Amino acid sequence: MNDINLIIDGTEVKSRAGMTILQAAEQEGIKIPTLCHATDLKPTGVCRICLVEVGGARTLMAACHTPIFEGMVVQTRSQKVLETRRAVVELLLTAHTGACVTDINAKECVLHKLASDLEVGPPRFQVREPRHFPSEDSNPYVQRDLSKCILCRRCVGACNEVAKQHILSIGYRGFSSKVITAFDGPLDKEVCKDCGICVDYCPTGALSKSAKIS
């Protein structure tokens, strides 16, 4: 493949054609935060945490799935980028009803860490009907708490692309959207067996290893 010359945060970078902005930046040790992205899953760009400023573009671009091109100029930490990332994290926190303040496992929550790194305080927005779901522990491998889910779709990708089970998908629309199994049934052992791969991909603790196997 031909090399592509671009500039990221004022640094001249030479990367392979076909790479994304995120890949080119990581190659140079330039950190762009991500949430829905995982290196072994197809990029979806749904969380918008990795937004960057590209010279000449009308809007901010998602670094995880935007391919590089010759002469591209990218800013990963401009004021516009940082303000937008903070707003995105704040919105995600609004819909994330997990008790992060009192949860002893909050340090493992990627969203919690992002909020800390970006200095995002308690969300200013209020949800008319907070997303509360009962915790599910009927599966011997996976415990699920959809109240902590931010719809990043990493569990769906892991189930489909890594485990090849195709058990999980996104159901409903708008604020009612959630990760579901077939017919929106419980994630019990009759549906999900001998796996638990999705747990390793969940960034918020919505999925965790069942206490029955810990």
Protein backbone atom coordinates (compact mmCIF):
# COMPACT_ATOMS: atom_id res chain seq x y z
CA MET A 1 0.00 0.00 0.00
CA ASN A 2 1.09 3.60 -0.65
CA ASP A 3 2.07 5.84 2.22
CA ILE A 4 -0.15 8.77 3.17
CA ASN A 5 1.32 12.01 4.52
CA LEU A 6 -0.80 13.91 7.00
CA ILE A 7 -0.47 16.21 10.00
CA ILE A 8 -1.88 15.32 13.42
CA ASP A 9 -1.67 17.95 16.14
CA GLY A 10 1.11 19.73 14.26
CA THR A 11 3.17 16.57 13.80
CA GLU A 12 3.93 15.28 10.31
CA VAL A 13 2.83 11.66 10.10
CA LYS A 14 3.38 9.01 7.44
CA SER A 15 0.84 6.18 7.55
CA ARG A 16 -0.45 3.44 5.28
CA ALA A 17 -3.35 4.06 2.94
CA GLY A 18 -6.55 2.55 4.29
CA MET A 19 -5.81 3.38 7.91
CA THR A 20 -8.22 5.43 9.99
CA ILE A 21 -7.35 8.63 11.82
CA LEU A 22 -7.42 6.68 15.09
CA GLN A 23 -4.96 4.08 13.78
CA ALA A 24 -2.63 6.72 12.38
CA ALA A 25 -2.69 8.64 15.66
CA GLU A 26 -2.07 5.53 17.78
CA GLN A 27 0.85 4.64 15.52
CA GLU A 28 2.48 7.92 16.56
CA GLY A 29 1.58 7.59 20.23
CA ILE A 30 -1.14 10.26 19.99
CA LYS A 31 -3.99 9.33 22.31
CA ILE A 32 -7.56 9.79 21.12
CA PRO A 33 -10.15 8.64 23.70
CA THR A 34 -12.66 6.01 22.63
CA LEU A 35 -15.61 4.25 24.19
CA CYS A 36 -17.46 2.16 21.61
CA HIS A 37 -14.26 1.21 19.77
CA ALA A 38 -12.40 -2.09 20.17
CA THR A 39 -9.47 -3.03 17.93
CA ASP A 40 -10.89 -6.46 17.04
CA LEU A 41 -14.42 -5.23 16.27
CA LYS A 42 -15.74 -3.36 13.25
CA PRO A 43 -15.83 0.37 14.03
CA THR A 44 -19.31 1.80 14.49
CA GLY A 45 -18.68 5.40 15.56
CA VAL A 46 -21.79 5.45 17.73
CA CYS A 47 -20.37 7.02 20.91
CA ARG A 48 -18.73 10.07 19.23
CA ILE A 49 -16.06 10.30 21.93
CA CYS A 50 -13.27 10.08 19.34
CA LEU A 51 -14.43 13.15 17.40
CA VAL A 52 -11.58 15.18 15.90
CA GLU A 53 -11.29 18.32 13.81
CA VAL A 54 -10.27 17.78 10.18
CA GLY A 55 -9.16 20.73 8.09
CA GLY A 56 -11.78 21.64 5.51
CA ALA A 57 -14.51 19.43 7.01
CA ARG A 58 -17.82 21.05 7.91
CA THR A 59 -18.29 18.95 11.04
CA LEU A 60 -16.15 17.02 13.51
CA MET A 61 -15.25 13.53 12.33
CA ALA A 62 -15.18 10.23 14.22
CA ALA A 63 -11.54 9.13 14.22
CA CYS A 64 -12.36 5.43 14.61
CA HIS A 65 -13.85 5.00 11.14
CA THR A 66 -12.71 8.02 9.11
CA PRO A 67 -9.98 7.02 6.62
CA ILE A 68 -6.93 9.22 6.23
CA PHE A 69 -6.07 10.96 2.98
CA GLU A 70 -3.03 12.74 1.56
CA GLY A 71 -2.49 16.17 3.11
CA MET A 72 -5.10 15.68 5.84
CA VAL A 73 -4.72 18.03 8.80
CA VAL A 74 -6.15 16.72 12.06
CA GLN A 75 -6.56 18.34 15.46
CA THR A 76 -7.37 15.94 18.28
CA ARG A 77 -7.41 18.37 21.20
CA SER A 78 -8.64 21.72 19.87
CA GLN A 79 -11.00 23.74 22.05
CA LYS A 80 -13.91 22.76 19.82
CA VAL A 81 -13.03 19.06 20.08
CA LEU A 82 -12.63 19.10 23.86
CA GLU A 83 -15.86 21.04 24.42
CA THR A 84 -17.76 18.61 22.20
CA ARG A 85 -16.28 15.56 23.94
CA ARG A 86 -17.29 16.97 27.32
CA ALA A 87 -20.83 17.52 26.07
CA VAL A 88 -20.99 13.97 24.68
CA VAL A 89 -19.77 12.48 27.96
CA GLU A 90 -22.25 14.59 29.91
CA LEU A 91 -25.10 13.32 27.74
CA LEU A 92 -23.95 9.73 28.17
CA LEU A 93 -23.82 10.20 31.94
CA THR A 94 -27.37 11.54 31.87
CA ALA A 95 -28.65 8.28 30.37
CA HIS A 96 -26.29 6.12 32.47
CA THR A 97 -28.19 5.56 35.70
CA GLY A 98 -25.61 3.36 37.35
CA ALA A 99 -24.72 4.43 40.89
CA CYS A 100 -21.13 5.43 40.06
CA VAL A 101 -20.70 7.50 43.21
CA THR A 102 -21.33 4.57 45.53
CA ASP A 103 -20.30 1.71 43.24
CA ILE A 104 -17.01 0.19 44.46
CA ASN A 105 -16.33 -1.00 40.90
CA ALA A 106 -16.70 2.49 39.40
CA LYS A 107 -12.93 2.71 38.87
CA GLU A 108 -13.31 0.03 36.20
CA CYS A 109 -15.95 2.04 34.33
CA VAL A 110 -14.42 3.61 31.20
CA LEU A 111 -17.16 6.26 31.08
CA HIS A 112 -16.39 7.22 34.68
CA LYS A 113 -12.67 7.55 33.82
CA LEU A 114 -13.43 9.62 30.72
CA ALA A 115 -15.57 11.99 32.77
CA SER A 116 -12.70 12.38 35.21
CA ASP A 117 -10.08 12.92 32.48
CA LEU A 118 -12.24 15.53 30.74
CA GLU A 119 -13.22 17.15 34.06
CA VAL A 120 -16.91 16.56 33.48
CA GLY A 121 -19.00 17.05 36.60
CA PRO A 122 -22.52 15.80 37.34
CA PRO A 123 -24.70 16.18 34.23
CA ARG A 124 -26.75 19.36 34.01
CA PHE A 125 -29.42 17.66 31.94
CA GLN A 126 -32.40 15.86 33.42
CA VAL A 127 -34.20 12.89 31.95
CA ARG A 128 -37.96 12.91 32.32
CA GLU A 129 -38.08 9.12 32.65
CA PRO A 130 -34.73 7.69 33.83
CA ARG A 131 -33.70 4.35 32.35
CA HIS A 132 -34.04 1.87 35.21
CA PHE A 133 -33.96 -1.89 34.63
CA PRO A 134 -33.89 -4.74 37.13
CA SER A 135 -30.54 -6.47 37.40
CA GLU A 136 -30.50 -9.95 35.83
CA ASP A 137 -28.52 -12.73 37.51
CA SER A 138 -30.21 -15.87 36.16
CA ASN A 139 -27.29 -16.60 33.81
CA PRO A 140 -24.44 -18.60 35.40
CA TYR A 141 -21.84 -16.68 33.35
CA VAL A 142 -23.12 -13.13 32.89
CA GLN A 143 -24.86 -10.69 35.20
CA ARG A 144 -26.61 -7.85 33.37
CA ASP A 145 -27.71 -4.41 34.58
CA LEU A 146 -29.08 -2.42 31.64
CA SER A 147 -29.39 0.67 33.84
CA LYS A 148 -25.64 1.07 33.33
CA CYS A 149 -25.79 0.45 29.57
CA ILE A 150 -24.88 3.37 27.26
CA LEU A 151 -25.68 1.52 24.00
CA CYS A 152 -22.07 1.48 22.82
CA ARG A 153 -22.84 -1.83 21.04
CA ARG A 154 -19.52 -3.43 21.98
CA CYS A 155 -21.29 -6.42 23.52
CA VAL A 156 -23.32 -6.83 20.33
CA GLY A 157 -20.15 -6.77 18.24
CA ALA A 158 -18.39 -9.22 20.54
CA CYS A 159 -21.34 -11.61 20.46
CA ASN A 160 -21.65 -11.46 16.68
CA GLU A 161 -18.06 -11.04 15.50
CA VAL A 162 -15.99 -12.79 18.17
CA ALA A 163 -18.24 -15.42 19.75
CA LYS A 164 -20.24 -15.89 16.51
CA GLN A 165 -23.38 -16.46 18.57
CA HIS A 166 -25.59 -13.63 17.25
CA ILE A 167 -27.61 -13.52 20.47
CA LEU A 168 -27.53 -9.79 21.15
CA SER A 169 -28.87 -6.91 19.07
CA ILE A 170 -30.30 -3.40 19.47
CA GLY A 171 -34.07 -3.23 19.85
CA TYR A 172 -36.66 -0.44 19.90
CA ARG A 173 -36.02 3.18 18.93
CA GLY A 174 -34.93 6.49 20.39
CA PHE A 175 -34.74 6.70 24.17
CA SER A 176 -36.41 3.28 24.39
CA SER A 177 -33.49 1.60 22.60
CA LYS A 178 -31.73 -1.16 24.49
CA VAL A 179 -29.64 -4.28 23.98
CA ILE A 180 -31.95 -7.26 23.64
CA THR A 181 -31.97 -10.97 22.99
CA ALA A 182 -34.50 -12.56 20.64
CA PHE A 183 -38.04 -11.39 21.53
CA ASP A 184 -36.48 -9.21 24.27
CA GLY A 185 -36.33 -12.11 26.68
CA PRO A 186 -34.02 -12.46 29.70
CA LEU A 187 -30.34 -13.24 29.18
CA ASP A 188 -30.66 -16.58 30.93
CA LYS A 189 -28.75 -19.84 30.45
CA GLU A 190 -31.27 -21.05 27.90
CA VAL A 191 -30.28 -18.15 25.62
CA CYS A 192 -26.60 -17.57 26.44
CA LYS A 193 -24.49 -20.61 27.26
CA ASP A 194 -20.84 -21.30 28.12
CA CYS A 195 -19.53 -17.94 26.98
CA GLY A 196 -19.39 -14.59 28.77
CA ILE A 197 -17.11 -13.06 26.11
CA CYS A 198 -19.28 -9.94 26.02
CA VAL A 199 -18.32 -9.10 29.62
CA ASP A 200 -14.74 -8.29 28.61
CA TYR A 201 -15.98 -5.73 26.09
CA CYS A 202 -18.45 -3.83 28.27
CA PRO A 203 -16.98 -0.43 29.28
CA THR A 204 -19.47 0.49 32.01
CA GLY A 205 -20.21 -2.57 34.14
CA ALA A 206 -23.60 -3.17 32.55
CA LEU A 207 -22.26 -6.69 32.00
CA SER A 208 -20.19 -8.43 34.64
CA LYS A 209 -19.14 -11.93 35.53
CA SER A 210 -21.76 -13.74 37.52
CA ALA A 211 -21.03 -14.23 41.21
CA LYS A 212 -21.88 -17.88 40.61
CA ILE A 213 -18.55 -18.42 38.83
CA SER A 214 -16.36 -15.88 40.63
